[in-house]
Amino acid sequence: MRDLVFIAFLAVMFLLGSKRPFILILTYAYIDIVSPQRLTYYLLNSIPISLIAFVGAVGAWMVFDNKSDTRLSWRQGLLLLMLVYCGLTTIYADFPIDAARKWDWVWKALVFAIFLPLTLRTRLRIEALSLVMVLSASSIIINGGMKTALSGGGYGVLNLMGVENNSGLYEGSIISTVAICIIPMILFLAKHGTIFPPDWRVKAFAYALCLACLLIPVGTEARTGLICAAILGGLMFIHMKRKLLMGMLGALALVCALPFLPSSFTNRMDTISNYQGDESASTRLAVWMWTLDYVKTHPFGGGFDAYRGNSFHYQTVQRTVEPSGNIRIETINVVDKQRAYHSSYFEMLGEQGYAGFLLWLVINFGTMIQTERVRRRFRDTTDPAKAWIAPYALAMSQGHLIYMIGSFFVGIAFQPFVFMLIALQIGLATYARRLEADAGWQPILPTRPVAAAG
């Protein structure tokens, strides 16, 4: 029955796409984020729906879309360079079979990110893609939030949408990072959206969805999510008008929420400060040190999944309470190998070397800088038709920054979601440049009255 529901939904989307080709792009974004083929038993698993949607989206754009005002960005050029570079490192990878398996989805994410900004010519398209990204991720987040509210969740036991394969957005740390990073976008759509005009129903759903996003780090017990939530609170506090009042309300809400948090969650969060007592945290540090040594002899990286060649030992500290009440502390030597990077920064460094790592940094942080420039150029506009640009740019830069901070602790350097986020910001920048070109390349700022002479 589930298979039939998904097939019917996708059939409707493809049918609508035959009338409005941009819907095929939205369909591909949905498939890339949700992976409905992983939620079905047989039918969709036997159909290459992702490839069909991608070919349909690109083909429809090439045939039907207006390309007279298409603009290219230097960041699309860098994405193309990243595509070529990763292709070369895959050819000479330390583990060619595993590298080819990862390359099979990485190249699609990069190509789609290069192509996507070409289609984002209007506000409606930018907003539509943002909405589809939020709702697609929310289909997983709402499921996890409800399970957390009902059962409390647990590390590695919060089964999202019934998917047992712990990868993509169905992995605890990744969905925790994504859930927090889309909160600014949710709040923007609730206030400035035009597809679903803001009313009490839209705002109620948005606030409930934000609560579900905040519950995901609790349900997954992902420390990354807690750090991202703290960063989001700081970013939002900076732009609040009534900082003292909102700060007091936030502190009060946190104090009221603490008694309801599961003890397993608070115990796991304690390991943030006591990393030596947690084997997972100790493993990460050991992998990071191994990566730094590895790249010294492999400056161009070892290709995708180069971590499979690591082998190291480290020490953990174990505290045991004896029946007498005494606490025994002992140091345990642990030998491990083939452990993942658990960090996008070390993932890029180990797999793509110094050049790929720097290229990745320039793409991400260069995009955020450009988005901030757009926000500053439009933040004082008096034109109601352009008043949405600055708030949208702020939501995009906040979400992207949270994603990059979360990337310190989880390997999501090539996750398709972040490349869609980059593509949206490139599309926003090219859209803003087009508006400025129409206005004679003058910044669109409020007109100040000129004092009368004499």
Protein backbone atom coordinates (compact mmCIF):
# COMPACT_ATOMS: atom_id res chain seq x y z
CA MET A 1 0.00 0.00 0.00
CA ARG A 2 2.84 2.38 0.86
CA ASP A 3 4.41 1.72 -2.56
CA LEU A 4 1.19 2.69 -4.31
CA VAL A 5 0.88 5.94 -2.37
CA PHE A 6 4.41 7.01 -3.28
CA ILE A 7 3.98 6.00 -6.91
CA ALA A 8 0.71 7.94 -7.12
CA PHE A 9 2.32 11.02 -5.56
CA LEU A 10 5.32 10.94 -7.89
CA ALA A 11 3.08 10.30 -10.89
CA VAL A 12 1.12 13.46 -10.06
CA MET A 13 4.36 15.44 -9.70
CA PHE A 14 5.65 14.23 -13.07
CA LEU A 15 2.27 14.99 -14.65
CA LEU A 16 2.32 18.52 -13.26
CA GLY A 17 5.89 18.82 -14.48
CA SER A 18 4.73 18.23 -18.03
CA LYS A 19 2.69 21.44 -17.68
CA ARG A 20 5.16 23.41 -15.55
CA PRO A 21 8.71 22.09 -16.17
CA PHE A 22 10.14 23.71 -13.01
CA ILE A 23 8.05 21.24 -10.98
CA LEU A 24 10.34 18.49 -12.28
CA ILE A 25 13.23 20.28 -10.57
CA LEU A 26 11.25 20.38 -7.34
CA THR A 27 10.47 16.68 -7.79
CA TYR A 28 14.15 15.83 -8.09
CA ALA A 29 14.92 17.87 -4.97
CA TYR A 30 12.24 15.94 -3.07
CA ILE A 31 13.58 12.58 -4.26
CA ASP A 32 17.16 13.56 -3.39
CA ILE A 33 16.22 14.63 0.14
CA VAL A 34 13.59 12.07 1.17
CA SER A 35 14.76 9.07 -0.92
CA PRO A 36 11.26 7.59 -1.26
CA GLN A 37 12.73 4.49 -2.91
CA ARG A 38 14.14 3.63 0.54
CA LEU A 39 10.67 3.87 2.08
CA THR A 40 9.03 1.36 -0.25
CA TYR A 41 9.27 -2.41 -0.43
CA TYR A 42 9.69 -3.18 -4.10
CA LEU A 43 8.15 -1.07 -6.86
CA LEU A 44 10.18 2.16 -6.55
CA ASN A 45 13.36 0.21 -5.82
CA SER A 46 13.22 -1.21 -9.34
CA ILE A 47 12.73 2.17 -11.05
CA PRO A 48 15.57 4.76 -11.35
CA ILE A 49 13.25 7.60 -10.31
CA SER A 50 16.11 9.91 -9.34
CA LEU A 51 17.71 9.62 -12.79
CA ILE A 52 14.35 10.03 -14.52
CA ALA A 53 13.58 13.20 -12.55
CA PHE A 54 17.06 14.62 -13.18
CA VAL A 55 16.99 13.99 -16.93
CA GLY A 56 13.45 15.38 -17.11
CA ALA A 57 14.40 18.52 -15.16
CA VAL A 58 17.47 19.30 -17.26
CA GLY A 59 15.75 18.42 -20.52
CA ALA A 60 12.70 20.57 -19.74
CA TRP A 61 14.92 23.53 -18.87
CA MET A 62 16.93 23.18 -22.08
CA VAL A 63 13.83 22.95 -24.28
CA PHE A 64 11.20 25.14 -22.64
CA ASP A 65 12.75 27.56 -20.15
CA ASN A 66 13.61 31.18 -20.92
CA LYS A 67 17.39 31.54 -20.90
CA SER A 68 17.72 35.13 -22.06
CA ASP A 69 18.60 36.45 -18.59
CA THR A 70 20.64 33.45 -17.44
CA ARG A 71 23.71 34.45 -15.43
CA LEU A 72 26.66 32.37 -14.32
CA SER A 73 28.45 32.76 -11.00
CA TRP A 74 32.11 32.20 -10.17
CA ARG A 75 30.92 29.78 -7.51
CA GLN A 76 29.38 27.59 -10.20
CA GLY A 77 32.81 27.56 -11.81
CA LEU A 78 34.33 26.42 -8.52
CA LEU A 79 31.70 23.70 -8.21
CA LEU A 80 32.63 22.53 -11.70
CA LEU A 81 36.30 22.52 -10.69
CA MET A 82 35.39 20.50 -7.60
CA LEU A 83 33.52 18.03 -9.82
CA VAL A 84 36.56 17.51 -12.06
CA TYR A 85 38.97 17.31 -9.13
CA CYS A 86 36.88 14.73 -7.27
CA GLY A 87 36.60 12.72 -10.48
CA LEU A 88 40.40 12.59 -10.75
CA THR A 89 40.89 11.59 -7.11
CA THR A 90 38.32 8.84 -7.60
CA ILE A 91 40.35 7.39 -10.48
CA TYR A 92 43.47 7.22 -8.30
CA ALA A 93 41.69 6.43 -5.01
CA ASP A 94 43.24 4.17 -2.37
CA PHE A 95 40.03 2.10 -2.35
CA PRO A 96 38.67 2.38 -5.90
CA ILE A 97 35.55 0.24 -5.42
CA ASP A 98 34.39 2.12 -2.33
CA ALA A 99 35.35 5.46 -3.91
CA ALA A 100 33.32 4.67 -7.02
CA ARG A 101 30.31 3.88 -4.85
CA LYS A 102 30.45 7.31 -3.20
CA TRP A 103 31.25 9.07 -6.47
CA ASP A 104 28.03 7.62 -7.90
CA TRP A 105 25.94 10.06 -5.82
CA VAL A 106 28.46 12.87 -5.25
CA TRP A 107 28.70 13.80 -8.93
CA LYS A 108 24.91 14.09 -9.13
CA ALA A 109 24.83 16.44 -6.15
CA LEU A 110 27.56 18.63 -7.69
CA VAL A 111 26.02 18.69 -11.17
CA PHE A 112 22.60 19.56 -9.77
CA ALA A 113 24.12 22.38 -7.69
CA ILE A 114 25.80 23.79 -10.81
CA PHE A 115 22.61 23.52 -12.85
CA LEU A 116 20.06 24.67 -10.26
CA PRO A 117 20.93 28.41 -10.11
CA LEU A 118 20.31 28.68 -13.86
CA THR A 119 16.64 27.97 -13.22
CA LEU A 120 16.11 30.29 -10.22
CA ARG A 121 15.11 33.38 -12.20
CA THR A 122 12.18 34.59 -10.07
CA ARG A 123 11.17 35.02 -6.47
CA LEU A 124 8.49 32.36 -6.90
CA ARG A 125 11.03 29.76 -8.00
CA ILE A 126 13.45 30.61 -5.19
CA GLU A 127 10.66 30.41 -2.64
CA ALA A 128 9.22 27.22 -4.14
CA LEU A 129 12.53 25.37 -3.93
CA SER A 130 13.05 26.62 -0.35
CA LEU A 131 9.58 25.41 0.59
CA VAL A 132 10.08 21.98 -1.00
CA MET A 133 13.42 21.57 0.79
CA VAL A 134 11.84 22.47 4.14
CA LEU A 135 8.78 20.25 3.67
CA SER A 136 10.86 17.33 2.36
CA ALA A 137 13.18 17.42 5.37
CA SER A 138 10.15 17.99 7.61
CA SER A 139 8.61 14.69 6.54
CA ILE A 140 11.49 13.05 8.39
CA ILE A 141 11.70 15.63 11.19
CA ILE A 142 8.01 15.50 12.13
CA ASN A 143 8.18 11.72 12.32
CA GLY A 144 11.21 11.90 14.59
CA GLY A 145 9.76 14.71 16.70
CA MET A 146 6.56 12.79 17.37
CA LYS A 147 8.50 9.66 18.35
CA THR A 148 10.68 11.74 20.66
CA ALA A 149 7.67 13.36 22.33
CA LEU A 150 6.01 9.97 22.85
CA SER A 151 8.98 7.76 23.75
CA GLY A 152 11.96 10.02 24.44
CA GLY A 153 14.04 8.48 21.66
CA GLY A 154 17.57 7.31 22.34
CA TYR A 155 21.01 7.19 20.74
CA GLY A 156 20.87 4.96 17.68
CA VAL A 157 17.32 3.74 18.40
CA LEU A 158 15.14 6.54 16.95
CA ASN A 159 14.00 4.79 13.81
CA LEU A 160 13.14 7.54 11.33
CA MET A 161 10.36 6.73 8.83
CA GLY A 162 11.05 3.02 9.35
CA VAL A 163 14.40 3.26 7.51
CA GLU A 164 16.96 0.94 9.07
CA ASN A 165 19.83 1.98 6.80
CA ASN A 166 21.50 4.64 8.94
CA SER A 167 22.70 7.00 6.20
CA GLY A 168 21.80 10.32 4.57
CA LEU A 169 19.20 12.38 6.40
CA TYR A 170 18.14 9.24 8.25
CA GLU A 171 21.36 9.32 10.31
CA GLY A 172 20.96 10.93 13.74
CA SER A 173 23.73 13.55 13.66
CA ILE A 174 22.98 14.57 10.05
CA ILE A 175 19.24 15.04 10.54
CA SER A 176 19.92 16.91 13.80
CA THR A 177 22.18 19.35 11.96
CA VAL A 178 19.72 19.80 9.09
CA ALA A 179 16.75 20.18 11.46
CA ILE A 180 18.40 23.09 13.27
CA CYS A 181 19.78 24.76 10.14
CA ILE A 182 16.35 24.98 8.44
CA ILE A 183 14.70 26.77 11.38
CA PRO A 184 15.62 30.25 10.04
CA MET A 185 14.14 29.25 6.66
CA ILE A 186 10.95 28.01 8.33
CA LEU A 187 10.53 31.31 10.17
CA PHE A 188 11.16 33.27 6.96
CA LEU A 189 8.51 31.34 5.04
CA ALA A 190 6.05 31.81 7.91
CA LYS A 191 6.54 35.58 7.78
CA HIS A 192 7.35 36.44 4.16
CA GLY A 193 6.07 33.45 2.16
CA THR A 194 3.71 33.98 -0.75
CA ILE A 195 2.92 30.38 -1.79
CA PHE A 196 1.21 29.86 1.57
CA PRO A 197 0.35 33.44 2.61
CA PRO A 198 1.12 33.90 6.32
CA ASP A 199 -1.92 33.49 8.54
CA TRP A 200 -2.51 31.86 11.92
CA ARG A 201 -2.56 28.37 10.40
CA VAL A 202 0.73 28.78 8.59
CA LYS A 203 2.39 30.32 11.62
CA ALA A 204 1.03 27.65 13.96
CA PHE A 205 2.41 24.92 11.68
CA ALA A 206 5.75 26.74 11.41
CA TYR A 207 6.16 27.09 15.18
CA ALA A 208 5.16 23.46 15.73
CA LEU A 209 7.67 22.42 13.07
CA CYS A 210 10.40 24.46 14.79
CA LEU A 211 9.58 22.60 18.02
CA ALA A 212 9.89 19.28 16.16
CA CYS A 213 13.27 20.44 14.81
CA LEU A 214 14.45 21.18 18.35
CA LEU A 215 13.22 17.76 19.52
CA ILE A 216 15.34 15.92 16.94
CA PRO A 217 18.68 16.44 18.79
CA VAL A 218 16.92 15.21 21.95
CA GLY A 219 15.48 12.13 20.27
CA THR A 220 18.69 11.20 18.46
CA GLU A 221 20.86 12.27 21.41
CA ALA A 222 23.23 13.81 18.89
CA ARG A 223 25.67 16.20 20.54
CA THR A 224 26.12 17.92 17.20
CA GLY A 225 22.47 18.98 17.29
CA LEU A 226 22.84 20.51 20.75
CA ILE A 227 25.83 22.58 19.61
CA CYS A 228 23.96 23.70 16.49
CA ALA A 229 20.93 24.71 18.59
CA ALA A 230 23.14 26.80 20.86
CA ILE A 231 24.73 28.53 17.85
CA LEU A 232 21.29 29.20 16.36
CA GLY A 233 20.17 30.79 19.63
CA GLY A 234 23.18 33.09 19.56
CA LEU A 235 22.65 34.07 15.92
CA MET A 236 18.98 34.83 16.49
CA PHE A 237 19.77 36.78 19.66
CA ILE A 238 22.08 39.10 17.69
CA HIS A 239 19.23 40.19 15.41
CA MET A 240 16.52 40.43 18.07
CA LYS A 241 15.08 43.84 18.87
CA ARG A 242 14.20 43.17 22.51
CA LYS A 243 17.32 41.27 23.47
CA LEU A 244 16.89 41.40 27.25
CA LEU A 245 13.26 40.24 27.21
CA MET A 246 13.82 37.51 24.63
CA GLY A 247 16.96 36.35 26.41
CA MET A 248 15.07 36.01 29.68
CA LEU A 249 12.22 34.14 27.98
CA GLY A 250 14.69 31.80 26.30
CA ALA A 251 16.47 31.07 29.57
CA LEU A 252 13.13 30.45 31.29
CA ALA A 253 12.04 28.06 28.52
CA LEU A 254 15.33 26.16 28.84
CA VAL A 255 14.97 25.84 32.62
CA CYS A 256 11.38 24.61 32.25
CA ALA A 257 12.41 22.06 29.60
CA LEU A 258 15.29 20.50 31.58
CA PRO A 259 13.11 18.31 33.88
CA PHE A 260 11.44 16.75 30.82
CA LEU A 261 14.69 15.71 29.11
CA PRO A 262 15.49 11.98 29.29
CA SER A 263 18.36 11.11 31.63
CA SER A 264 20.11 9.29 28.77
CA PHE A 265 20.17 12.57 26.83
CA THR A 266 21.69 14.60 29.67
CA ASN A 267 24.24 11.87 30.39
CA ARG A 268 25.32 11.81 26.75
CA MET A 269 25.59 15.59 26.60
CA ASP A 270 27.92 15.45 29.62
CA THR A 271 30.49 13.72 27.42
CA ILE A 272 30.99 16.96 25.48
CA SER A 273 33.18 18.26 28.30
CA ASN A 274 34.51 14.81 29.30
CA TYR A 275 35.54 13.45 25.92
CA GLN A 276 38.11 11.03 27.37
CA GLY A 277 35.29 9.14 29.05
CA ASP A 278 33.47 8.64 25.78
CA GLU A 279 34.83 6.15 23.26
CA SER A 280 33.10 7.86 20.31
CA ALA A 281 34.70 11.24 21.06
CA SER A 282 38.11 9.67 21.67
CA THR A 283 37.85 7.82 18.35
CA ARG A 284 37.16 11.06 16.51
CA LEU A 285 40.24 12.73 17.92
CA ALA A 286 42.35 9.71 16.99
CA VAL A 287 40.97 9.70 13.42
CA TRP A 288 41.62 13.42 13.05
CA MET A 289 45.24 13.03 14.16
CA TRP A 290 45.65 10.11 11.74
CA THR A 291 44.25 12.28 8.92
CA LEU A 292 46.73 15.07 9.63
CA ASP A 293 49.59 12.58 9.41
CA TYR A 294 48.12 10.90 6.31
CA VAL A 295 47.79 14.09 4.28
CA LYS A 296 51.45 14.94 4.91
CA THR A 297 52.42 12.00 2.69
CA HIS A 298 49.32 12.21 0.46
CA PRO A 299 48.90 15.95 -0.23
CA PHE A 300 46.22 15.29 -2.90
CA GLY A 301 44.23 12.99 -0.63
CA GLY A 302 43.37 9.35 -0.99
CA GLY A 303 40.02 9.67 -2.76
CA PHE A 304 36.60 8.89 -1.35
CA ASP A 305 36.53 6.62 1.72
CA ALA A 306 40.29 6.89 2.24
CA TYR A 307 39.60 6.48 5.97
CA ARG A 308 39.39 2.73 5.37
CA GLY A 309 43.16 2.68 5.50
CA ASN A 310 43.45 4.08 9.02
CA SER A 311 44.63 2.12 12.03
CA PHE A 312 45.44 3.61 15.44
CA HIS A 313 45.24 3.20 19.17
CA TYR A 314 44.02 5.60 21.81
CA GLN A 315 43.19 5.71 25.50
CA THR A 316 39.86 6.16 27.26
CA VAL A 317 39.21 6.81 30.92
CA GLN A 318 36.59 4.62 32.61
CA ARG A 319 35.02 5.51 35.96
CA THR A 320 33.54 2.64 37.98
CA VAL A 321 31.62 3.00 41.25
CA GLU A 322 32.49 0.07 43.56
CA PRO A 323 30.00 -1.43 46.07
CA SER A 324 31.91 0.30 48.85
CA GLY A 325 31.16 3.68 47.27
CA ASN A 326 34.71 4.29 46.10
CA ILE A 327 35.25 5.48 42.53
CA ARG A 328 37.82 3.55 40.53
CA ILE A 329 39.36 5.29 37.52
CA GLU A 330 41.29 3.22 35.02
CA THR A 331 42.86 3.94 31.66
CA ILE A 332 41.96 1.55 28.84
CA ASN A 333 44.03 1.16 25.67
CA VAL A 334 41.86 0.72 22.59
CA VAL A 335 43.04 -0.42 19.13
CA ASP A 336 40.80 0.51 16.21
CA LYS A 337 40.83 0.80 12.41
CA GLN A 338 38.71 1.84 9.43
CA ARG A 339 36.86 4.49 11.40
CA ALA A 340 35.08 7.29 9.52
CA TYR A 341 36.24 10.90 9.82
CA HIS A 342 33.19 12.20 11.76
CA SER A 343 34.04 15.68 10.46
CA SER A 344 33.48 17.26 7.07
CA TYR A 345 36.70 19.24 7.40
CA PHE A 346 38.83 16.16 7.96
CA GLU A 347 36.75 14.25 5.42
CA MET A 348 37.71 16.78 2.75
CA LEU A 349 41.32 16.92 3.89
CA GLY A 350 41.79 13.14 3.91
CA GLU A 351 39.86 12.41 0.73
CA GLN A 352 40.68 15.42 -1.46
CA GLY A 353 43.93 16.70 0.05
CA TYR A 354 44.94 20.30 0.64
CA ALA A 355 43.66 21.56 -2.73
CA GLY A 356 40.22 19.99 -2.39
CA PHE A 357 39.93 21.11 1.20
CA LEU A 358 40.72 24.76 0.34
CA LEU A 359 38.38 24.64 -2.66
CA TRP A 360 35.57 23.35 -0.44
CA LEU A 361 36.18 26.12 2.10
CA VAL A 362 36.15 28.81 -0.59
CA ILE A 363 32.88 27.49 -2.05
CA ASN A 364 31.09 27.41 1.29
CA PHE A 365 32.41 30.49 3.03
CA GLY A 366 32.58 32.47 -0.22
CA THR A 367 28.89 31.72 -0.71
CA MET A 368 28.04 32.94 2.79
CA ILE A 369 30.05 36.14 2.29
CA GLN A 370 28.26 36.84 -0.99
CA THR A 371 24.89 36.22 0.64
CA GLU A 372 25.75 38.66 3.42
CA ARG A 373 26.63 41.27 0.78
CA VAL A 374 23.21 40.78 -0.79
CA ARG A 375 21.57 41.24 2.60
CA ARG A 376 23.40 44.50 3.24
CA ARG A 377 22.58 45.87 -0.21
CA PHE A 378 18.86 45.27 0.25
CA ARG A 379 18.30 45.65 3.99
CA ASP A 380 17.21 49.29 3.73
CA THR A 381 15.12 49.07 0.58
CA THR A 382 11.76 50.85 0.62
CA ASP A 383 10.36 48.82 -2.26
CA PRO A 384 7.80 46.32 -0.84
CA ALA A 385 8.45 43.95 -3.75
CA LYS A 386 12.10 43.64 -2.66
CA ALA A 387 11.67 43.74 1.10
CA TRP A 388 11.90 39.93 1.30
CA ILE A 389 15.45 39.73 -0.07
CA ALA A 390 17.36 40.83 3.04
CA PRO A 391 15.43 38.56 5.47
CA TYR A 392 15.82 35.64 3.07
CA ALA A 393 19.56 36.25 2.73
CA LEU A 394 19.83 36.36 6.53
CA ALA A 395 17.96 33.06 6.89
CA MET A 396 20.17 31.46 4.24
CA SER A 397 23.45 32.64 5.78
CA GLN A 398 22.36 31.60 9.29
CA GLY A 399 21.32 28.15 8.12
CA HIS A 400 24.51 27.69 6.13
CA LEU A 401 26.70 28.78 9.05
CA ILE A 402 24.94 26.35 11.38
CA TYR A 403 25.47 23.62 8.79
CA MET A 404 29.19 24.42 8.60
CA ILE A 405 29.55 24.40 12.38
CA GLY A 406 27.75 21.07 12.57
CA SER A 407 30.14 19.85 9.88
CA PHE A 408 32.96 19.99 12.42
CA PHE A 409 31.49 16.88 14.07
CA VAL A 410 29.80 14.93 11.27
CA GLY A 411 30.96 13.95 7.79
CA ILE A 412 28.48 15.78 5.54
CA ALA A 413 30.84 17.56 3.16
CA PHE A 414 29.05 16.19 0.08
CA GLN A 415 25.49 15.90 1.37
CA PRO A 416 23.11 16.99 -1.45
CA PHE A 417 21.13 19.17 0.98
CA VAL A 418 24.01 21.58 1.58
CA PHE A 419 24.71 21.85 -2.16
CA MET A 420 21.05 22.78 -2.71
CA LEU A 421 21.53 25.40 0.01
CA ILE A 422 24.55 26.75 -1.88
CA ALA A 423 22.61 26.71 -5.17
CA LEU A 424 19.78 28.72 -3.57
CA GLN A 425 22.23 31.38 -2.42
CA ILE A 426 23.85 31.54 -5.85
CA GLY A 427 20.39 31.91 -7.37
CA LEU A 428 19.56 34.70 -4.91
CA ALA A 429 22.78 36.57 -5.75
CA THR A 430 22.22 36.34 -9.53
CA TYR A 431 18.58 37.41 -9.05
CA ALA A 432 19.75 40.42 -7.02
CA ARG A 433 22.30 41.35 -9.69
CA ARG A 434 19.55 41.21 -12.30
CA LEU A 435 17.42 43.60 -10.26
CA GLU A 436 20.34 45.98 -9.89
CA ALA A 437 21.04 45.79 -13.62
CA ASP A 438 17.44 46.74 -14.32
CA ALA A 439 17.90 49.68 -11.94
CA GLY A 440 21.10 50.82 -13.67
CA TRP A 441 23.42 48.91 -11.30
CA GLN A 442 22.57 51.30 -8.48
CA PRO A 443 22.10 49.93 -4.96
CA ILE A 444 18.39 49.79 -4.19
CA LEU A 445 18.32 51.97 -1.07
CA PRO A 446 15.76 54.36 0.38
CA THR A 447 15.73 57.82 -1.14
CA ARG A 448 16.60 60.52 1.36
CA PRO A 449 14.90 63.88 0.90
CA VAL A 450 17.16 66.70 -0.21
CA ALA A 451 17.04 69.78 1.97
CA ALA A 452 15.55 72.82 0.24
CA ALA A 453 18.08 75.46 -0.83
CA GLY A 454 18.19 78.67 1.10
